[in-house]
Amino acid sequence: MTTAEVLAVHSVDEFVFCVPDLEQARHFYTSFGLDVRDEDGALALYTYGHPHRWARVLPGAGKRILWLSLGIHAQDLERFERLFAQRNIAAIDPPGGADRAGLWILGPDGLPLQLRVADKSSPSRPGPREAGSECRNAGRAPSRGKAQAVRPLYLSHILLFSADVDSARAFYEGVLGLRLSDKSGSVIAFLHSPHGSDHHLIALAKSAGLGLHHSSWCVPSIDAVGLGSDQMTLAGYSRGWGVGRHVLGSNYFRYVRDPWGSYAEYSYDIDFVQAGDAWPAADHPPEDSLYVWGPSLPEDFISNYEIHT
């Protein structure tokens, strides 16, 4: 079977969530380095120099993931319709504020999912890696005063909380065509697209229910991870985790905690799964599910604050 024949979503086209204070969200994501725009009473999250809208932030009583829009190829729309009919997966009405395009179904943990025809926005090649200069009779680090503001390049992945990681994984694999990259027992799982994506397009972590743990954004160097951490500390967001390096995915990271208990991650040099290639998925011990090196994990890092709002 060729890659074109594989029935699977190819991208997280957009994730949508609400927060109680849009101005606070504007400050957080602008400080993080995103291009934050006002669109129809919501905040739209773009990356500078890229036309794609990665996320929207709507006003709400608390912070909550509202729906997930997944990109599919045009030739797959009818194929997914037939698959849903065969599996007795009923269509649902779109949530308030969402468009009716494509197919709407109820996903794991009650998360509304939209499958819509869209250009592939997940990466089709490994993320950029800025080359360092040669070590030859001169200092290579940039001066602090000339360091550029960090601006992420694109959305790498999102991590969702789930009450049942195994059943959620089975749905994303069996219904939406994603494939397992790695997992650790029934606690966490990482899924990629067979159309080509980073090591994980969607990750799932055990909790009492649905929630958005973090969104992860590609930056082009380990310097950008460190500078981003400083950038957010200066903006008033010092809480988080990192700098460190993951085992699963291999990326260098800094998670910055937002005002509602979830995170935005600066990510550099994550593993990549080429379209059509097979990743050697494995079940890893708990100590490898988090990091190779870095500071100790904050006590509430895996807390799902959405189930309390």
Protein backbone atom coordinates (compact mmCIF):
# COMPACT_ATOMS: atom_id res chain seq x y z
CA MET A 1 0.00 0.00 0.00
CA THR A 2 1.36 3.41 -0.97
CA THR A 3 1.33 6.37 1.39
CA ALA A 4 -1.45 7.96 -0.66
CA GLU A 5 -3.63 4.90 -0.06
CA VAL A 6 -3.22 4.96 3.71
CA LEU A 7 -6.34 6.28 5.42
CA ALA A 8 -5.19 8.56 8.21
CA VAL A 9 -5.35 12.14 9.40
CA HIS A 10 -2.20 14.04 8.46
CA SER A 11 -2.17 17.03 10.84
CA VAL A 12 -3.51 18.65 13.94
CA ASP A 13 -5.03 21.39 11.83
CA GLU A 14 -6.17 23.44 14.82
CA PHE A 15 -6.80 23.00 18.53
CA VAL A 16 -9.37 25.20 20.24
CA PHE A 17 -9.69 25.92 23.94
CA CYS A 18 -11.22 28.51 26.22
CA VAL A 19 -9.85 30.52 29.13
CA PRO A 20 -11.47 32.99 31.55
CA ASP A 21 -9.23 35.93 30.56
CA LEU A 22 -8.33 36.56 26.92
CA GLU A 23 -6.00 39.43 27.75
CA GLN A 24 -4.00 37.20 30.07
CA ALA A 25 -3.82 34.61 27.27
CA ARG A 26 -2.74 37.31 24.82
CA HIS A 27 0.12 38.33 27.10
CA PHE A 28 1.24 34.74 27.68
CA TYR A 29 1.30 33.66 24.03
CA THR A 30 2.70 36.95 22.75
CA SER A 31 5.49 36.67 25.31
CA PHE A 32 6.04 33.06 24.19
CA GLY A 33 6.75 34.37 20.70
CA LEU A 34 3.56 33.62 18.80
CA ASP A 35 1.73 35.98 16.45
CA VAL A 36 -1.52 36.54 18.37
CA ARG A 37 -4.39 38.04 16.38
CA ASP A 38 -7.96 39.07 17.16
CA GLU A 39 -10.44 37.08 15.08
CA ASP A 40 -14.21 37.06 15.66
CA GLY A 41 -14.05 37.63 19.41
CA ALA A 42 -11.30 35.06 19.94
CA LEU A 43 -7.52 35.00 19.89
CA ALA A 44 -5.93 33.24 16.93
CA LEU A 45 -2.46 31.76 17.36
CA TYR A 46 -0.09 31.93 14.39
CA THR A 47 3.67 31.64 14.09
CA TYR A 48 5.49 34.52 12.45
CA GLY A 49 6.02 34.10 8.73
CA HIS A 50 3.64 31.13 8.46
CA PRO A 51 0.09 31.48 7.08
CA HIS A 52 -1.45 28.65 9.11
CA ARG A 53 -3.67 29.26 12.13
CA TRP A 54 -2.59 26.69 14.70
CA ALA A 55 -5.05 27.39 17.51
CA ARG A 56 -7.81 29.60 18.79
CA VAL A 57 -8.49 30.76 22.33
CA LEU A 58 -12.13 31.52 23.15
CA PRO A 59 -13.57 33.19 26.26
CA GLY A 60 -15.01 30.81 28.84
CA ALA A 61 -15.68 30.29 32.52
CA GLY A 62 -12.48 28.28 32.95
CA LYS A 63 -9.67 26.79 30.90
CA ARG A 64 -10.89 23.84 28.83
CA ILE A 65 -10.10 22.08 25.56
CA LEU A 66 -13.19 22.56 23.34
CA TRP A 67 -12.50 20.68 20.13
CA LEU A 68 -9.78 19.40 17.87
CA SER A 69 -9.72 19.88 14.09
CA LEU A 70 -7.71 17.25 12.22
CA GLY A 71 -6.50 17.69 8.64
CA ILE A 72 -7.23 15.05 6.01
CA HIS A 73 -6.54 14.75 2.29
CA ALA A 74 -9.45 15.54 -0.07
CA GLN A 75 -9.56 12.01 -1.47
CA ASP A 76 -10.06 10.63 2.04
CA LEU A 77 -13.24 12.50 2.99
CA GLU A 78 -15.61 9.92 1.50
CA ARG A 79 -13.42 7.07 2.72
CA PHE A 80 -13.72 8.32 6.30
CA GLU A 81 -17.50 8.73 5.83
CA ARG A 82 -17.73 5.07 4.80
CA LEU A 83 -15.50 3.96 7.66
CA PHE A 84 -17.61 5.82 10.23
CA ALA A 85 -20.78 4.26 8.77
CA GLN A 86 -19.23 0.79 8.99
CA ARG A 87 -18.17 1.39 12.60
CA ASN A 88 -21.52 2.95 13.57
CA ILE A 89 -19.75 6.17 14.56
CA ALA A 90 -22.46 8.80 14.56
CA ALA A 91 -22.05 12.35 13.34
CA ILE A 92 -22.44 15.12 15.93
CA ASP A 93 -23.34 18.78 15.68
CA PRO A 94 -20.35 21.13 15.82
CA PRO A 95 -19.75 22.92 19.14
CA GLY A 96 -20.70 26.57 19.40
CA GLY A 97 -18.23 28.74 17.51
CA ALA A 98 -17.11 25.94 15.18
CA ASP A 99 -17.77 25.68 11.45
CA ARG A 100 -19.69 22.78 9.92
CA ALA A 101 -17.06 21.80 7.36
CA GLY A 102 -16.00 18.18 7.04
CA LEU A 103 -17.00 15.44 9.46
CA TRP A 104 -17.76 15.87 13.16
CA ILE A 105 -17.60 12.90 15.55
CA LEU A 106 -17.20 12.41 19.27
CA GLY A 107 -13.69 11.29 20.16
CA PRO A 108 -12.18 9.74 23.28
CA ASP A 109 -13.15 11.30 26.62
CA GLY A 110 -15.97 13.20 24.92
CA LEU A 111 -13.71 15.47 22.86
CA PRO A 112 -15.45 16.74 19.70
CA LEU A 113 -13.30 15.98 16.64
CA GLN A 114 -13.56 17.64 13.25
CA LEU A 115 -12.02 15.96 10.21
CA ARG A 116 -11.68 18.55 7.48
CA VAL A 117 -9.91 18.74 4.15
CA ALA A 118 -6.82 20.88 4.67
CA ASP A 119 -3.28 21.35 3.48
CA LYS A 120 -0.81 19.31 5.45
CA SER A 121 0.52 21.53 8.25
CA SER A 122 2.42 18.88 10.19
CA PRO A 123 6.07 18.79 9.11
CA SER A 124 7.07 16.65 6.13
CA ARG A 125 10.75 16.71 7.04
CA PRO A 126 12.78 17.00 10.24
CA GLY A 127 12.72 20.39 11.94
CA PRO A 128 15.48 22.88 11.12
CA ARG A 129 18.73 22.70 13.06
CA GLU A 130 20.74 25.90 13.01
CA ALA A 131 24.37 25.09 12.31
CA GLY A 132 26.90 26.36 14.82
CA SER A 133 29.96 28.23 13.67
CA GLU A 134 33.38 26.59 13.72
CA CYS A 135 35.45 26.84 16.88
CA ARG A 136 38.42 28.82 15.56
CA ASN A 137 40.08 31.56 17.63
CA ALA A 138 36.84 33.43 18.36
CA GLY A 139 33.92 33.21 20.74
CA ARG A 140 30.86 31.68 19.15
CA ALA A 141 28.07 32.51 21.60
CA PRO A 142 25.94 35.57 20.76
CA SER A 143 26.27 38.51 23.11
CA ARG A 144 23.35 38.76 25.49
CA GLY A 145 22.43 42.19 24.19
CA LYS A 146 22.22 40.93 20.60
CA ALA A 147 20.27 37.74 21.27
CA GLN A 148 17.10 37.71 19.17
CA ALA A 149 13.62 37.18 20.58
CA VAL A 150 12.51 33.56 20.26
CA ARG A 151 9.71 32.99 17.77
CA PRO A 152 8.59 29.37 17.32
CA LEU A 153 8.34 28.02 13.78
CA TYR A 154 5.32 25.69 13.88
CA LEU A 155 3.19 23.48 16.10
CA SER A 156 4.89 20.13 16.65
CA HIS A 157 2.28 18.31 18.75
CA ILE A 158 -0.24 18.44 21.56
CA LEU A 159 -0.59 16.22 24.63
CA LEU A 160 -4.10 15.37 25.81
CA PHE A 161 -5.16 13.90 29.12
CA SER A 162 -7.33 10.78 28.95
CA ALA A 163 -9.13 8.67 31.52
CA ASP A 164 -8.20 5.54 29.54
CA VAL A 165 -5.01 5.87 27.52
CA ASP A 166 -5.30 2.39 26.00
CA SER A 167 -8.83 2.84 24.66
CA ALA A 168 -8.06 6.38 23.46
CA ARG A 169 -4.98 5.09 21.66
CA ALA A 170 -7.05 2.33 20.05
CA PHE A 171 -9.47 4.96 18.72
CA TYR A 172 -6.80 7.28 17.32
CA GLU A 173 -5.09 4.30 15.70
CA GLY A 174 -8.04 2.20 14.57
CA VAL A 175 -10.41 4.98 13.51
CA LEU A 176 -8.18 7.92 12.60
CA GLY A 177 -5.19 5.98 11.27
CA LEU A 178 -2.46 7.30 13.56
CA ARG A 179 0.32 4.92 14.56
CA LEU A 180 2.06 4.21 17.82
CA SER A 181 5.54 5.64 18.19
CA ASP A 182 6.22 4.68 21.80
CA LYS A 183 4.42 4.20 25.08
CA SER A 184 5.00 3.46 28.75
CA GLY A 185 2.46 0.97 30.00
CA SER A 186 -1.04 2.42 30.12
CA VAL A 187 0.20 5.78 31.43
CA ILE A 188 1.41 7.60 28.32
CA ALA A 189 1.40 7.00 24.56
CA PHE A 190 2.85 8.88 21.58
CA LEU A 191 1.22 8.73 18.14
CA HIS A 192 2.46 9.87 14.72
CA SER A 193 0.87 10.19 11.30
CA PRO A 194 1.82 7.69 8.58
CA HIS A 195 1.77 10.65 6.19
CA GLY A 196 4.89 11.96 7.95
CA SER A 197 5.12 13.88 11.21
CA ASP A 198 7.28 14.47 14.23
CA HIS A 199 7.68 11.53 16.63
CA HIS A 200 4.30 12.44 18.01
CA LEU A 201 1.48 14.45 16.53
CA ILE A 202 -0.78 13.61 19.47
CA ALA A 203 0.28 12.24 22.84
CA LEU A 204 -1.98 10.85 25.57
CA ALA A 205 -1.38 10.89 29.32
CA LYS A 206 -3.36 9.21 32.09
CA SER A 207 -5.68 11.39 34.14
CA ALA A 208 -9.20 11.34 35.56
CA GLY A 209 -10.61 12.86 32.38
CA LEU A 210 -10.09 15.04 29.34
CA GLY A 211 -7.72 18.01 29.32
CA LEU A 212 -5.00 19.76 27.36
CA HIS A 213 -1.66 19.30 29.09
CA HIS A 214 0.54 21.17 26.62
CA SER A 215 1.10 22.40 23.13
CA SER A 216 4.63 21.98 21.75
CA TRP A 217 6.29 24.42 19.35
CA CYS A 218 9.37 23.83 17.23
CA VAL A 219 12.38 26.12 17.61
CA PRO A 220 15.61 25.79 15.58
CA SER A 221 18.30 25.42 18.25
CA ILE A 222 19.07 24.49 21.84
CA ASP A 223 19.94 28.18 22.31
CA ALA A 224 16.36 29.04 21.35
CA VAL A 225 15.07 26.68 24.07
CA GLY A 226 17.25 28.40 26.68
CA LEU A 227 16.58 31.90 25.42
CA GLY A 228 12.86 31.15 25.34
CA SER A 229 13.03 30.12 28.97
CA ASP A 230 14.68 33.43 29.86
CA GLN A 231 12.24 35.32 27.66
CA MET A 232 9.27 33.91 29.54
CA THR A 233 10.86 34.41 32.95
CA LEU A 234 11.35 38.09 32.15
CA ALA A 235 7.70 38.26 31.08
CA GLY A 236 6.62 36.91 34.48
CA TYR A 237 6.28 33.20 33.64
CA SER A 238 9.06 31.50 35.53
CA ARG A 239 7.21 28.32 36.49
CA GLY A 240 7.67 25.23 34.35
CA TRP A 241 10.06 22.39 33.70
CA GLY A 242 13.41 22.24 31.91
CA VAL A 243 15.69 22.82 30.21
CA GLY A 244 16.11 19.08 29.68
CA ARG A 245 16.02 16.31 27.10
CA HIS A 246 13.36 13.67 26.56
CA VAL A 247 14.04 9.99 25.92
CA LEU A 248 10.91 9.37 23.84
CA GLY A 249 11.06 11.84 20.97
CA SER A 250 14.64 12.84 21.87
CA ASN A 251 13.83 16.56 21.86
CA TYR A 252 15.33 19.22 24.11
CA PHE A 253 12.58 21.03 26.00
CA ARG A 254 11.45 23.84 28.21
CA TYR A 255 7.84 23.75 29.41
CA VAL A 256 6.42 27.09 30.50
CA ARG A 257 3.39 27.00 32.75
CA ASP A 258 0.48 29.17 31.69
CA PRO A 259 -1.86 30.96 34.13
CA TRP A 260 -4.28 27.98 34.13
CA GLY A 261 -1.92 25.12 34.97
CA SER A 262 -1.13 23.77 31.50
CA TYR A 263 1.99 24.38 29.44
CA ALA A 264 3.52 25.65 26.22
CA GLU A 265 6.73 23.85 25.26
CA TYR A 266 9.76 25.08 23.36
CA SER A 267 10.97 21.96 21.52
CA TYR A 268 14.16 21.41 19.55
CA ASP A 269 15.43 18.43 17.55
CA ILE A 270 12.53 16.02 17.98
CA ASP A 271 12.65 12.65 16.21
CA PHE A 272 10.89 12.53 12.84
CA VAL A 273 8.94 9.73 11.15
CA GLN A 274 9.14 9.91 7.37
CA ALA A 275 5.95 9.20 5.40
CA GLY A 276 5.70 5.49 4.70
CA ASP A 277 8.44 4.50 7.15
CA ALA A 278 7.92 2.17 10.09
CA TRP A 279 8.90 3.47 13.51
CA PRO A 280 10.20 0.82 15.98
CA ALA A 281 7.44 1.30 18.54
CA ALA A 282 8.13 -0.07 22.01
CA ASP A 283 6.80 -0.16 25.55
CA HIS A 284 9.32 1.68 27.73
CA PRO A 285 9.94 1.61 31.51
CA PRO A 286 8.51 4.54 33.50
CA GLU A 287 11.91 6.16 34.04
CA ASP A 288 12.26 6.60 30.28
CA SER A 289 8.81 8.12 29.79
CA LEU A 290 9.94 11.59 30.87
CA TYR A 291 13.57 12.61 30.45
CA VAL A 292 17.23 11.67 30.03
CA TRP A 293 18.45 14.69 31.96
CA GLY A 294 17.04 17.87 33.40
CA PRO A 295 15.71 19.25 36.67
CA SER A 296 13.40 17.22 38.86
CA LEU A 297 9.81 17.05 37.70
CA PRO A 298 7.51 19.58 39.42
CA GLU A 299 5.09 17.80 41.75
CA ASP A 300 1.99 18.90 39.86
CA PHE A 301 3.40 18.64 36.33
CA ILE A 302 0.97 15.86 35.39
CA SER A 303 -2.03 17.48 37.12
CA ASN A 304 -5.11 18.00 35.00
CA TYR A 305 -6.61 21.27 36.18
CA GLU A 306 -9.43 21.13 33.63
CA ILE A 307 -11.32 18.47 35.57
CA HIS A 308 -11.60 20.93 38.48
CA THR A 309 -13.04 23.81 36.42
